[in-house]
PDB file of N, CA and C in Angstrom:
ATOM      1  N   MET A   1       0.780  -1.016  -0.448  1.00  0.00           N
ATOM      2  CA  MET A   1       0.180  -0.091   0.286  1.00  0.00           C
ATOM      3  C   MET A   1       1.037   1.465   0.217  1.00  0.00           C
ATOM      4  N   SER A   2       0.051   2.123  -1.047  1.00  0.00           N
ATOM      5  CA  SER A   2       1.717   3.273  -1.095  1.00  0.00           C
ATOM      6  C   SER A   2       1.297   4.135   0.777  1.00  0.00           C
ATOM      7  N   LYS A   3       3.025   4.900   0.610  1.00  0.00           N
ATOM      8  CA  LYS A   3       3.100   5.293   1.851  1.00  0.00           C
ATOM      9  C   LYS A   3       2.536   6.516   2.134  1.00  0.00           C
ATOM     10  N   THR A   4       1.620   7.101   0.853  1.00  0.00           N
ATOM     11  CA  THR A   4       1.019   8.685   0.871  1.00  0.00           C
ATOM     12  C   THR A   4      -0.761   8.062   1.898  1.00  0.00           C
ATOM     13  N   TRP A   5      -0.698   7.182   1.902  1.00  0.00           N
ATOM     14  CA  TRP A   5      -1.832   6.925   2.873  1.00  0.00           C
ATOM     15  C   TRP A   5      -1.986   5.863   4.384  1.00  0.00           C
ATOM     16  N   ASN A   6      -0.582   5.951   4.046  1.00  0.00           N
ATOM     17  CA  ASN A   6      -0.093   5.448   5.309  1.00  0.00           C
ATOM     18  C   ASN A   6      -0.874   6.251   6.968  1.00  0.00           C
ATOM     19  N   GLU A   7      -0.749   7.797   6.359  1.00  0.00           N
ATOM     20  CA  GLU A   7      -1.268   8.348   8.018  1.00  0.00           C
ATOM     21  C   GLU A   7      -2.749   7.794   8.084  1.00  0.00           C
ATOM     22  N   TYR A   8      -3.509   7.626   7.245  1.00  0.00           N
ATOM     23  CA  TYR A   8      -4.734   7.415   6.573  1.00  0.00           C
ATOM     24  C   TYR A   8      -5.706   6.336   7.292  1.00  0.00           C
ATOM     25  N   ILE A   9      -4.224   4.880   6.728  1.00  0.00           N
ATOM     26  CA  ILE A   9      -4.756   3.854   7.343  1.00  0.00           C
ATOM     27  C   ILE A   9      -4.307   3.750   8.934  1.00  0.00           C
ATOM     28  N   LEU A  10      -3.623   4.038   9.710  1.00  0.00           N
ATOM     29  CA  LEU A  10      -3.530   4.104  10.970  1.00  0.00           C
ATOM     30  C   LEU A  10      -4.556   4.908  11.499  1.00  0.00           C
ATOM     31  N   TRP A  11      -4.972   5.645  11.176  1.00  0.00           N
ATOM     32  CA  TRP A  11      -6.215   6.863  11.678  1.00  0.00           C
ATOM     33  C   TRP A  11      -7.225   4.999  11.177  1.00  0.00           C
ATOM     34  N   THR A  12      -7.252   5.456  10.020  1.00  0.00           N
ATOM     35  CA  THR A  12      -8.988   4.528   9.543  1.00  0.00           C
ATOM     36  C   THR A  12      -9.009   2.812  10.535  1.00  0.00           C
ATOM     37  N   LEU A  13      -7.748   2.311  10.860  1.00  0.00           N
ATOM     38  CA  LEU A  13      -7.820   0.996  11.783  1.00  0.00           C
ATOM     39  C   LEU A  13      -8.407   1.503  13.309  1.00  0.00           C
ATOM     40  N   SER A  14      -8.190   2.529  13.566  1.00  0.00           N
ATOM     41  CA  SER A  14      -8.551   2.536  14.801  1.00  0.00           C
ATOM     42  C   SER A  14     -10.303   2.889  14.993  1.00  0.00           C
ATOM     43  N   ARG A  15     -10.496   2.995  14.001  1.00  0.00           N
ATOM     44  CA  ARG A  15     -12.301   3.376  13.912  1.00  0.00           C
ATOM     45  C   ARG A  15     -12.483   2.835  12.638  1.00  0.00           C
ATOM     46  N   ILE A  16     -12.246   0.980  12.447  1.00  0.00           N
ATOM     47  CA  ILE A  16     -12.832   0.367  11.468  1.00  0.00           C
ATOM     48  C   ILE A  16     -14.243   0.150  11.310  1.00  0.00           C
ATOM     49  N   ASN A  17     -15.199   0.830  12.825  1.00  0.00           N
ATOM     50  CA  ASN A  17     -16.365   0.411  12.655  1.00  0.00           C
ATOM     51  C   ASN A  17     -17.000   1.703  12.122  1.00  0.00           C
ATOM     52  N   ASP A  18     -16.688   2.770  11.633  1.00  0.00           N
ATOM     53  CA  ASP A  18     -16.953   3.770  11.138  1.00  0.00           C
ATOM     54  C   ASP A  18     -17.925   3.324  10.074  1.00  0.00           C
ATOM     55  N   CYS A  19     -19.104   4.102   9.481  1.00  0.00           N
ATOM     56  CA  CYS A  19     -19.609   3.544   8.130  1.00  0.00           C
ATOM     57  C   CYS A  19     -18.433   3.553   7.253  1.00  0.00           C
ATOM     58  N   HIS A  20     -17.780   4.439   7.092  1.00  0.00           N
ATOM     59  CA  HIS A  20     -17.238   4.805   5.795  1.00  0.00           C
ATOM     60  C   HIS A  20     -15.395   3.856   5.789  1.00  0.00           C
ATOM     61  N   ALA A  21     -15.275   3.564   7.211  1.00  0.00           N
ATOM     62  CA  ALA A  21     -13.794   3.771   6.937  1.00  0.00           C
ATOM     63  C   ALA A  21     -13.296   2.147   6.621  1.00  0.00           C
ATOM     64  N   LYS A  22     -14.467   0.699   6.760  1.00  0.00           N
ATOM     65  CA  LYS A  22     -13.967  -0.437   6.475  1.00  0.00           C
ATOM     66  C   LYS A  22     -13.982  -0.254   4.605  1.00  0.00           C
ATOM     67  N   SER A  23     -14.905   0.691   4.471  1.00  0.00           N
ATOM     68  CA  SER A  23     -14.917   0.616   2.820  1.00  0.00           C
ATOM     69  C   SER A  23     -13.786   0.985   2.053  1.00  0.00           C
ATOM     70  N   MET A  24     -13.406   2.120   2.973  1.00  0.00           N
ATOM     71  CA  MET A  24     -12.623   2.958   2.222  1.00  0.00           C
ATOM     72  C   MET A  24     -10.931   2.326   2.134  1.00  0.00           C
ATOM     73  N   LEU A  25     -10.773   1.862   3.389  1.00  0.00           N
ATOM     74  CA  LEU A  25      -9.249   0.291   3.995  1.00  0.00           C
ATOM     75  C   LEU A  25      -9.540  -0.322   2.803  1.00  0.00           C
ATOM     76  N   LEU A  26     -10.802  -1.408   2.740  1.00  0.00           N
ATOM     77  CA  LEU A  26     -10.608  -2.596   1.296  1.00  0.00           C
ATOM     78  C   LEU A  26     -10.105  -1.648   0.786  1.00  0.00           C
ATOM     79  N   HIS A  27     -11.170  -0.850  -0.409  1.00  0.00           N
ATOM     80  CA  HIS A  27     -10.786   0.065  -1.516  1.00  0.00           C
ATOM     81  C   HIS A  27      -9.101   0.118  -1.936  1.00  0.00           C
ATOM     82  N   LEU A  28      -8.642   0.764  -0.505  1.00  0.00           N
ATOM     83  CA  LEU A  28      -6.841   1.061  -0.623  1.00  0.00           C
ATOM     84  C   LEU A  28      -6.584   0.507  -0.926  1.00  0.00           C
ATOM     85  N   ASN A  29      -6.597  -0.692   0.131  1.00  0.00           N
ATOM     86  CA  ASN A  29      -5.497  -2.530  -0.231  1.00  0.00           C
ATOM     87  C   ASN A  29      -6.078  -2.790  -1.530  1.00  0.00           C
ATOM     88  N   LYS A  30      -7.248  -2.886  -2.196  1.00  0.00           N
ATOM     89  CA  LYS A  30      -7.840  -3.480  -3.610  1.00  0.00           C
ATOM     90  C   LYS A  30      -7.213  -2.827  -4.404  1.00  0.00           C
ATOM     91  N   TYR A  31      -6.861  -1.800  -4.444  1.00  0.00           N
ATOM     92  CA  TYR A  31      -5.870  -0.900  -5.106  1.00  0.00           C
ATOM     93  C   TYR A  31      -5.019  -0.135  -5.080  1.00  0.00           C
ATOM     94  N   SER A  32      -4.051  -0.896  -4.719  1.00  0.00           N
ATOM     95  CA  SER A  32      -2.879   0.020  -3.748  1.00  0.00           C
ATOM     96  C   SER A  32      -1.815   0.275  -4.714  1.00  0.00           C
ATOM     97  N   ASP A  33      -2.050   0.037  -5.979  1.00  0.00           N
ATOM     98  CA  ASP A  33      -1.197  -0.061  -6.968  1.00  0.00           C
ATOM     99  C   ASP A  33      -1.286   1.614  -7.510  1.00  0.00           C
ATOM    100  N   ARG A  34      -2.244   2.414  -7.306  1.00  0.00           N
ATOM    101  CA  ARG A  34      -2.557   3.698  -7.519  1.00  0.00           C
ATOM    102  C   ARG A  34      -2.384   4.856  -5.934  1.00  0.00           C
ATOM    103  N   TYR A  35      -2.551   6.230  -6.513  1.00  0.00           N
ATOM    104  CA  TYR A  35      -2.538   7.232  -5.843  1.00  0.00           C
ATOM    105  C   TYR A  35      -3.784   7.360  -5.999  1.00  0.00           C
ATOM    106  N   TRP A  36      -4.706   7.650  -4.725  1.00  0.00           N
ATOM    107  CA  TRP A  36      -6.414   7.663  -4.678  1.00  0.00           C
ATOM    108  C   TRP A  36      -6.524   9.214  -3.836  1.00  0.00           C
ATOM    109  N   THR A  37      -7.153  10.329  -4.774  1.00  0.00           N
ATOM    110  CA  THR A  37      -7.401  11.542  -3.846  1.00  0.00           C
ATOM    111  C   THR A  37      -8.494  11.554  -3.276  1.00  0.00           C
ATOM    112  N   PRO A  38      -8.636  12.386  -2.248  1.00  0.00           N
ATOM    113  CA  PRO A  38      -9.627  12.114  -0.981  1.00  0.00           C
ATOM    114  C   PRO A  38     -11.030  12.409  -2.382  1.00  0.00           C
ATOM    115  N   ARG A  39     -11.043  13.192  -2.989  1.00  0.00           N
ATOM    116  CA  ARG A  39     -12.392  13.688  -3.948  1.00  0.00           C
ATOM    117  C   ARG A  39     -12.629  12.307  -4.741  1.00  0.00           C
ATOM    118  N   GLU A  40     -11.315  11.291  -5.167  1.00  0.00           N
ATOM    119  CA  GLU A  40     -11.537  10.482  -5.960  1.00  0.00           C
ATOM    120  C   GLU A  40     -11.993   9.361  -5.140  1.00  0.00           C
ATOM    121  N   LEU A  41     -11.706   9.211  -3.752  1.00  0.00           N
ATOM    122  CA  LEU A  41     -12.383   8.388  -2.648  1.00  0.00           C
ATOM    123  C   LEU A  41     -13.692   8.430  -2.821  1.00  0.00           C
ATOM    124  N   LYS A  42     -13.954   9.403  -2.401  1.00  0.00           N
ATOM    125  CA  LYS A  42     -15.331   9.946  -2.285  1.00  0.00           C
ATOM    126  C   LYS A  42     -16.417   9.657  -3.593  1.00  0.00           C
ATOM    127  N   GLN A  43     -16.279   9.731  -4.724  1.00  0.00           N
ATOM    128  CA  GLN A  43     -16.757   9.824  -6.108  1.00  0.00           C
ATOM    129  C   GLN A  43     -16.856   7.938  -6.108  1.00  0.00           C
ATOM    130  N   VAL A  44     -15.795   7.438  -5.925  1.00  0.00           N
ATOM    131  CA  VAL A  44     -15.705   5.591  -6.431  1.00  0.00           C
ATOM    132  C   VAL A  44     -16.813   5.205  -5.175  1.00  0.00           C
ATOM    133  N   LEU A  45     -16.112   5.594  -3.960  1.00  0.00           N
ATOM    134  CA  LEU A  45     -17.125   5.156  -2.964  1.00  0.00           C
ATOM    135  C   LEU A  45     -18.528   5.106  -2.675  1.00  0.00           C
ATOM    136  N   ASN A  46     -18.822   6.533  -3.393  1.00  0.00           N
ATOM    137  CA  ASN A  46     -19.852   7.011  -3.153  1.00  0.00           C
ATOM    138  C   ASN A  46     -20.286   7.143  -2.177  1.00  0.00           C
ATOM    139  N   LEU A  47     -19.137   8.303  -1.006  1.00  0.00           N
ATOM    140  CA  LEU A  47     -19.758   8.654   0.383  1.00  0.00           C
ATOM    141  C   LEU A  47     -20.339   9.957   0.670  1.00  0.00           C
ATOM    142  N   ASP A  48     -21.150   9.679   1.104  1.00  0.00           N
ATOM    143  CA  ASP A  48     -22.031  10.794   1.890  1.00  0.00           C
ATOM    144  C   ASP A  48     -21.697  12.017   2.328  1.00  0.00           C
ATOM    145  N   ILE A  49     -20.512  12.707   2.009  1.00  0.00           N
ATOM    146  CA  ILE A  49     -20.104  13.859   2.653  1.00  0.00           C
ATOM    147  C   ILE A  49     -20.499  15.251   1.871  1.00  0.00           C
ATOM    148  N   ASP A  50     -20.744  15.843   2.872  1.00  0.00           N
ATOM    149  CA  ASP A  50     -21.482  17.669   2.446  1.00  0.00           C
ATOM    150  C   ASP A  50     -19.794  18.261   2.835  1.00  0.00           C
ATOM    151  N   GLU A  51     -19.060  18.868   1.607  1.00  0.00           N
ATOM    152  CA  GLU A  51     -17.688  19.250   2.124  1.00  0.00           C
ATOM    153  C   GLU A  51     -18.327  21.192   2.363  1.00  0.00           C
ATOM    154  N   ASP A  52     -18.989  21.518   1.453  1.00  0.00           N
ATOM    155  CA  ASP A  52     -19.584  22.737   1.923  1.00  0.00           C
ATOM    156  C   ASP A  52     -20.141  22.770   2.889  1.00  0.00           C
ATOM    157  N   LYS A  53     -21.027  21.786   3.686  1.00  0.00           N
ATOM    158  CA  LYS A  53     -21.299  22.215   4.993  1.00  0.00           C
ATOM    159  C   LYS A  53     -19.548  22.399   5.643  1.00  0.00           C
ATOM    160  N   ARG A  54     -18.992  21.336   5.908  1.00  0.00           N
ATOM    161  CA  ARG A  54     -18.157  20.900   6.751  1.00  0.00           C
ATOM    162  C   ARG A  54     -17.489  22.132   6.094  1.00  0.00           C
ATOM    163  N   THR A  55     -16.872  22.639   5.450  1.00  0.00           N
ATOM    164  CA  THR A  55     -16.073  23.623   5.781  1.00  0.00           C
ATOM    165  C   THR A  55     -16.709  25.423   6.034  1.00  0.00           C
ATOM    166  N   LYS A  56     -18.155  25.132   6.413  1.00  0.00           N
ATOM    167  CA  LYS A  56     -18.914  26.552   6.552  1.00  0.00           C
ATOM    168  C   LYS A  56     -19.161  26.319   7.934  1.00  0.00           C
ATOM    169  N   THR A  57     -18.880  24.993   8.547  1.00  0.00           N
ATOM    170  CA  THR A  57     -19.498  25.180  10.249  1.00  0.00           C
ATOM    171  C   THR A  57     -17.814  25.104  11.026  1.00  0.00           C
ATOM    172  N   LYS A  58     -17.645  25.549  12.191  1.00  0.00           N
ATOM    173  CA  LYS A  58     -16.843  25.764  13.416  1.00  0.00           C
ATOM    174  C   LYS A  58     -16.376  24.563  13.510  1.00  0.00           C
ATOM    175  N   THR A  59     -15.025  24.275  13.422  1.00  0.00           N
ATOM    176  CA  THR A  59     -14.105  22.959  13.829  1.00  0.00           C
ATOM    177  C   THR A  59     -14.328  22.843  15.118  1.00  0.00           C
ATOM    178  N   GLY A  60     -14.432  21.789  15.339  1.00  0.00           N
ATOM    179  CA  GLY A  60     -14.805  21.385  17.232  1.00  0.00           C
ATOM    180  C   GLY A  60     -13.752  20.444  17.580  1.00  0.00           C
ATOM    181  N   LEU A  61     -13.625  19.839  18.838  1.00  0.00           N
ATOM    182  CA  LEU A  61     -12.802  19.225  19.670  1.00  0.00           C
ATOM    183  C   LEU A  61     -12.053  18.049  19.070  1.00  0.00           C
ATOM    184  N   LYS A  62     -13.853  17.382  18.474  1.00  0.00           N
ATOM    185  CA  LYS A  62     -12.964  15.784  18.075  1.00  0.00           C
ATOM    186  C   LYS A  62     -11.514  16.004  17.116  1.00  0.00           C
ATOM    187  N   LEU A  63     -12.770  17.151  16.004  1.00  0.00           N
ATOM    188  CA  LEU A  63     -11.609  17.137  14.954  1.00  0.00           C
ATOM    189  C   LEU A  63     -10.477  17.471  15.144  1.00  0.00           C
ATOM    190  N   ILE A  64     -10.096  18.314  16.110  1.00  0.00           N
ATOM    191  CA  ILE A  64      -8.683  19.132  16.654  1.00  0.00           C
ATOM    192  C   ILE A  64      -8.013  17.305  17.026  1.00  0.00           C
ATOM    193  N   LYS A  65      -9.025  16.619  18.145  1.00  0.00           N
ATOM    194  CA  LYS A  65      -8.235  15.228  18.872  1.00  0.00           C
ATOM    195  C   LYS A  65      -7.923  14.071  17.620  1.00  0.00           C
ATOM    196  N   ASP A  66      -8.637  13.980  16.669  1.00  0.00           N
ATOM    197  CA  ASP A  66      -8.497  13.330  15.342  1.00  0.00           C
ATOM    198  C   ASP A  66      -7.087  13.830  14.561  1.00  0.00           C
ATOM    199  N   PHE A  67      -7.379  14.755  14.115  1.00  0.00           N
ATOM    200  CA  PHE A  67      -6.053  15.675  13.990  1.00  0.00           C
ATOM    201  C   PHE A  67      -4.440  15.310  14.660  1.00  0.00           C
ATOM    202  N   GLN A  68      -4.589  15.813  15.572  1.00  0.00           N
ATOM    203  CA  GLN A  68      -3.510  15.050  16.804  1.00  0.00           C
ATOM    204  C   GLN A  68      -3.433  13.735  17.557  1.00  0.00           C
ATOM    205  N   GLU A  69      -4.340  12.638  16.902  1.00  0.00           N
ATOM    206  CA  GLU A  69      -3.841  11.157  16.474  1.00  0.00           C
ATOM    207  C   GLU A  69      -3.322  11.169  15.014  1.00  0.00           C
ATOM    208  N   LYS A  70      -3.349  11.869  14.047  1.00  0.00           N
ATOM    209  CA  LYS A  70      -2.786  11.589  13.096  1.00  0.00           C
ATOM    210  C   LYS A  70      -1.585  11.993  13.252  1.00  0.00           C
ATOM    211  N   ILE A  71      -1.086  13.100  13.790  1.00  0.00           N
ATOM    212  CA  ILE A  71       0.329  13.961  13.718  1.00  0.00           C
ATOM    213  C   ILE A  71       1.075  12.971  14.363  1.00  0.00           C
ATOM    214  N   GLU A  72       0.681  12.435  15.875  1.00  0.00           N
ATOM    215  CA  GLU A  72       1.125  11.289  16.797  1.00  0.00           C
ATOM    216  C   GLU A  72       1.805  10.146  16.222  1.00  0.00           C
ATOM    217  N   ALA A  73       0.689   9.804  14.770  1.00  0.00           N
ATOM    218  CA  ALA A  73       0.585   8.710  14.270  1.00  0.00           C
ATOM    219  C   ALA A  73       2.506   8.599  13.331  1.00  0.00           C
ATOM    220  N   TYR A  74       1.973   9.814  12.390  1.00  0.00           N
ATOM    221  CA  TYR A  74       3.041  10.054  11.577  1.00  0.00           C
ATOM    222  C   TYR A  74       4.309  10.391  12.217  1.00  0.00           C
ATOM    223  N   ALA A  75       4.506  10.899  13.458  1.00  0.00           N
ATOM    224  CA  ALA A  75       5.483  11.556  14.560  1.00  0.00           C
ATOM    225  C   ALA A  75       6.441  10.079  14.485  1.00  0.00           C
ATOM    226  N   GLN A  76       5.348   8.835  14.586  1.00  0.00           N
ATOM    227  CA  GLN A  76       6.524   8.046  15.165  1.00  0.00           C
ATOM    228  C   GLN A  76       6.831   7.035  14.411  1.00  0.00           C
ATOM    229  N   GLN A  77       6.526   7.080  12.656  1.00  0.00           N
ATOM    230  CA  GLN A  77       6.741   6.596  11.827  1.00  0.00           C
ATOM    231  C   GLN A  77       7.780   7.458  11.158  1.00  0.00           C
ATOM    232  N   PHE A  78       8.206   8.467  11.273  1.00  0.00           N
ATOM    233  CA  PHE A  78       9.079   9.744  10.642  1.00  0.00           C
ATOM    234  C   PHE A  78       9.851  10.251  11.788  1.00  0.00           C
ATOM    235  N   PRO A  79      10.069   9.770  13.362  1.00  0.00           N
ATOM    236  CA  PRO A  79      11.061  10.563  14.043  1.00  0.00           C
ATOM    237  C   PRO A  79      11.741  11.660  13.267  1.00  0.00           C
ATOM    238  N   ASP A  80      12.385  11.446  12.591  1.00  0.00           N
ATOM    239  CA  ASP A  80      13.532  12.662  12.227  1.00  0.00           C
ATOM    240  C   ASP A  80      12.608  13.546  11.839  1.00  0.00           C
ATOM    241  N   VAL A  81      11.501  13.450  11.053  1.00  0.00           N
ATOM    242  CA  VAL A  81      11.208  14.453  10.351  1.00  0.00           C
ATOM    243  C   VAL A  81      10.262  15.781  11.572  1.00  0.00           C
ATOM    244  N   VAL A  82      10.702  17.227  11.049  1.00  0.00           N
ATOM    245  CA  VAL A  82      10.207  17.996  11.634  1.00  0.00           C
ATOM    246  C   VAL A  82       8.886  18.430  10.691  1.00  0.00           C
ATOM    247  N   ILE A  83       7.913  18.457  12.022  1.00  0.00           N
ATOM    248  CA  ILE A  83       6.534  18.610  11.970  1.00  0.00           C
ATOM    249  C   ILE A  83       5.934  20.200  12.439  1.00  0.00           C
ATOM    250  N   LEU A  84       5.297  20.592  11.347  1.00  0.00           N
ATOM    251  CA  LEU A  84       4.737  22.104  11.638  1.00  0.00           C
ATOM    252  C   LEU A  84       3.398  21.653  11.949  1.00  0.00           C
ATOM    253  N   LEU A  85       2.776  22.053  13.265  1.00  0.00           N
ATOM    254  CA  LEU A  85       1.605  22.053  13.027  1.00  0.00           C
ATOM    255  C   LEU A  85       0.802  23.454  13.082  1.00  0.00           C
ATOM    256  N   ALA A  86      -0.140  23.379  12.078  1.00  0.00           N
ATOM    257  CA  ALA A  86      -1.338  23.942  11.927  1.00  0.00           C
ATOM    258  C   ALA A  86      -2.432  23.427  11.279  1.00  0.00           C
ATOM    259  N   PHE A  87      -3.694  23.913  11.669  1.00  0.00           N
ATOM    260  CA  PHE A  87      -4.811  23.668  11.349  1.00  0.00           C
ATOM    261  C   PHE A  87      -5.651  24.583  10.860  1.00  0.00           C
ATOM    262  N   LEU A  88      -6.140  24.783   9.002  1.00  0.00           N
ATOM    263  CA  LEU A  88      -6.837  25.341   8.436  1.00  0.00           C
ATOM    264  C   LEU A  88      -8.893  25.347   8.917  1.00  0.00           C
ATOM    265  N   SER A  89      -9.174  26.241   9.318  1.00  0.00           N
ATOM    266  CA  SER A  89     -10.466  26.248   9.914  1.00  0.00           C
ATOM    267  C   SER A  89     -11.273  27.434   8.780  1.00  0.00           C
ATOM    268  N   LEU A  90     -12.168  27.244   7.915  1.00  0.00           N
ATOM    269  CA  LEU A  90     -12.862  28.523   7.554  1.00  0.00           C
ATOM    270  C   LEU A  90     -14.114  28.637   7.776  1.00  0.00           C
ATOM    271  N   GLY A  91     -14.649  27.746   8.730  1.00  0.00           N
ATOM    272  CA  GLY A  91     -15.866  28.260   9.208  1.00  0.00           C
ATOM    273  C   GLY A  91     -15.501  28.832  11.090  1.00  0.00           C
ATOM    274  N   GLY A  92     -14.404  29.082  11.346  1.00  0.00           N
ATOM    275  CA  GLY A  92     -13.834  29.419  12.797  1.00  0.00           C
ATOM    276  C   GLY A  92     -13.481  27.675  13.593  1.00  0.00           C
ATOM    277  N   PHE A  93     -13.260  28.075  14.915  1.00  0.00           N
ATOM    278  CA  PHE A  93     -13.067  26.725  15.838  1.00  0.00           C
ATOM    279  C   PHE A  93     -14.119  27.113  16.841  1.00  0.00           C
ATOM    280  N   THR A  94     -14.423  26.215  17.485  1.00  0.00           N
ATOM    281  CA  THR A  94     -15.342  26.811  18.887  1.00  0.00           C
ATOM    282  C   THR A  94     -14.120  26.690  20.096  1.00  0.00           C
ATOM    283  N   ASP A  95     -14.688  27.277  21.074  1.00  0.00           N
ATOM    284  CA  ASP A  95     -14.036  27.860  22.095  1.00  0.00           C
ATOM    285  C   ASP A  95     -12.752  26.604  22.714  1.00  0.00           C
ATOM    286  N   GLU A  96     -13.909  25.183  22.791  1.00  0.00           N
ATOM    287  CA  GLU A  96     -13.076  24.336  23.049  1.00  0.00           C
ATOM    288  C   GLU A  96     -11.390  23.836  22.338  1.00  0.00           C
ATOM    289  N   ALA A  97     -12.260  23.748  20.900  1.00  0.00           N
ATOM    290  CA  ALA A  97     -10.828  23.695  20.133  1.00  0.00           C
ATOM    291  C   ALA A  97      -9.816  24.070  19.844  1.00  0.00           C
ATOM    292  N   MET A  98     -10.223  25.741  20.076  1.00  0.00           N
ATOM    293  CA  MET A  98      -9.131  26.228  20.232  1.00  0.00           C
ATOM    294  C   MET A  98      -8.556  26.407  21.559  1.00  0.00           C
ATOM    295  N   GLN A  99      -8.931  26.210  22.586  1.00  0.00           N
ATOM    296  CA  GLN A  99      -8.359  25.991  23.560  1.00  0.00           C
ATOM    297  C   GLN A  99      -7.141  24.487  23.519  1.00  0.00           C
ATOM    298  N   GLN A 100      -7.738  23.730  22.660  1.00  0.00           N
ATOM    299  CA  GLN A 100      -6.928  22.704  22.638  1.00  0.00           C
ATOM    300  C   GLN A 100      -5.870  22.725  21.537  1.00  0.00           C
ATOM    301  N   CYS A 101      -5.746  23.751  20.733  1.00  0.00           N
ATOM    302  CA  CYS A 101      -4.532  24.253  19.867  1.00  0.00           C
ATOM    303  C   CYS A 101      -3.432  24.880  20.867  1.00  0.00           C
ATOM    304  N   GLN A 102      -4.325  25.419  21.349  1.00  0.00           N
ATOM    305  CA  GLN A 102      -3.274  26.607  21.958  1.00  0.00           C
ATOM    306  C   GLN A 102      -2.191  26.041  23.251  1.00  0.00           C
ATOM    307  N   SER A 103      -3.253  24.582  23.964  1.00  0.00           N
ATOM    308  CA  SER A 103      -2.722  24.062  25.004  1.00  0.00           C
ATOM    309  C   SER A 103      -1.369  22.630  24.266  1.00  0.00           C
ATOM    310  N   VAL A 104      -1.912  22.584  23.009  1.00  0.00           N
ATOM    311  CA  VAL A 104      -0.745  21.843  22.468  1.00  0.00           C
ATOM    312  C   VAL A 104       0.141  22.215  21.472  1.00  0.00           C
ATOM    313  N   GLY A 105      -0.024  23.213  20.789  1.00  0.00           N
ATOM    314  CA  GLY A 105       1.025  24.089  19.973  1.00  0.00           C
ATOM    315  C   GLY A 105       0.708  24.201  18.173  1.00  0.00           C
ATOM    316  N   ILE A 106      -0.735  23.764  18.456  1.00  0.00           N
ATOM    317  CA  ILE A 106      -1.287  23.896  16.851  1.00  0.00           C
ATOM    318  C   ILE A 106      -1.443  25.402  16.603  1.00  0.00           C
ATOM    319  N   ALA A 107      -0.754  26.167  15.364  1.00  0.00           N
ATOM    320  CA  ALA A 107      -1.405  26.969  14.631  1.00  0.00           C
ATOM    321  C   ALA A 107      -2.340  26.884  14.241  1.00  0.00           C
ATOM    322  N   THR A 108      -3.215  27.913  14.387  1.00  0.00           N
ATOM    323  CA  THR A 108      -4.949  27.842  13.659  1.00  0.00           C
ATOM    324  C   THR A 108      -4.917  29.450  12.982  1.00  0.00           C
ATOM    325  N   THR A 109      -5.697  28.974  11.441  1.00  0.00           N
ATOM    326  CA  THR A 109      -5.605  30.337  10.883  1.00  0.00           C
ATOM    327  C   THR A 109      -7.366  29.965  10.195  1.00  0.00           C
ATOM    328  N   GLU A 110      -8.151  30.840  10.097  1.00  0.00           N
ATOM    329  CA  GLU A 110      -9.443  31.005   9.430  1.00  0.00           C
ATOM    330  C   GLU A 110      -9.556  31.455   8.034  1.00  0.00           C
ATOM    331  N   GLY A 111      -8.225  31.217   7.583  1.00  0.00           N
ATOM    332  CA  GLY A 111      -8.144  31.734   6.277  1.00  0.00           C
ATOM    333  C   GLY A 111      -6.491  31.922   5.283  1.00  0.00           C
ATOM    334  N   ILE A 112      -6.377  31.655   4.692  1.00  0.00           N
ATOM    335  CA  ILE A 112      -5.045  32.015   3.405  1.00  0.00           C
ATOM    336  C   ILE A 112      -5.112  32.979   2.858  1.00  0.00           C
ATOM    337  N   THR A 113      -4.314  34.043   2.714  1.00  0.00           N
ATOM    338  CA  THR A 113      -4.389  34.872   1.833  1.00  0.00           C
ATOM    339  C   THR A 113      -2.616  35.031   0.830  1.00  0.00           C
ATOM    340  N   LEU A 114      -3.189  35.201  -0.309  1.00  0.00           N
ATOM    341  CA  LEU A 114      -2.361  35.012  -1.153  1.00  0.00           C
ATOM    342  C   LEU A 114      -2.086  36.460  -1.705  1.00  0.00           C
ATOM    343  N   GLN A 115      -0.515  36.603  -1.576  1.00  0.00           N
ATOM    344  CA  GLN A 115      -0.042  38.090  -2.013  1.00  0.00           C
ATOM    345  C   GLN A 115       1.208  37.805  -2.864  1.00  0.00           C
ATOM    346  N   LEU A 116       0.748  38.131  -4.425  1.00  0.00           N
ATOM    347  CA  LEU A 116       2.182  38.155  -5.599  1.00  0.00           C
ATOM    348  C   LEU A 116       2.533  39.239  -5.741  1.00  0.00           C
ATOM    349  N   ASN A 117       4.491  39.374  -5.427  1.00  0.00           N
ATOM    350  CA  ASN A 117       4.275  40.456  -5.806  1.00  0.00           C
ATOM    351  C   ASN A 117       5.551  40.507  -6.880  1.00  0.00           C
ATOM    352  N   LEU A 118       4.875  41.113  -7.894  1.00  0.00           N
ATOM    353  CA  LEU A 118       5.686  41.093  -9.323  1.00  0.00           C
ATOM    354  C   LEU A 118       6.456  41.652  -9.995  1.00  0.00           C
TER     355      LEU A 118
END
């Protein structure tokens, strides 16, 4: 299986009873000879995820803790890699999520501005 998906696999294995996790894991294993983007997986597996709704809602504590778990798994596999912790939430953060980010050193932002100096 591609190393690109390794962090997702580690995260998925801990949540194998999730309604989409098992399908995603089996699909990635079956077609491990190619790279899959999240958008392609959504289409192929008919995942019912409303991305627009997700981007407009505030990020909560559960999502931040899931992010932390992914980072911890990645850090264990690649101990020599410097990891910059940052989380983008277009909908903002709940108070609990922001407190968690601040307490563990995760940088937060609600948008990215591109500036070109020509």
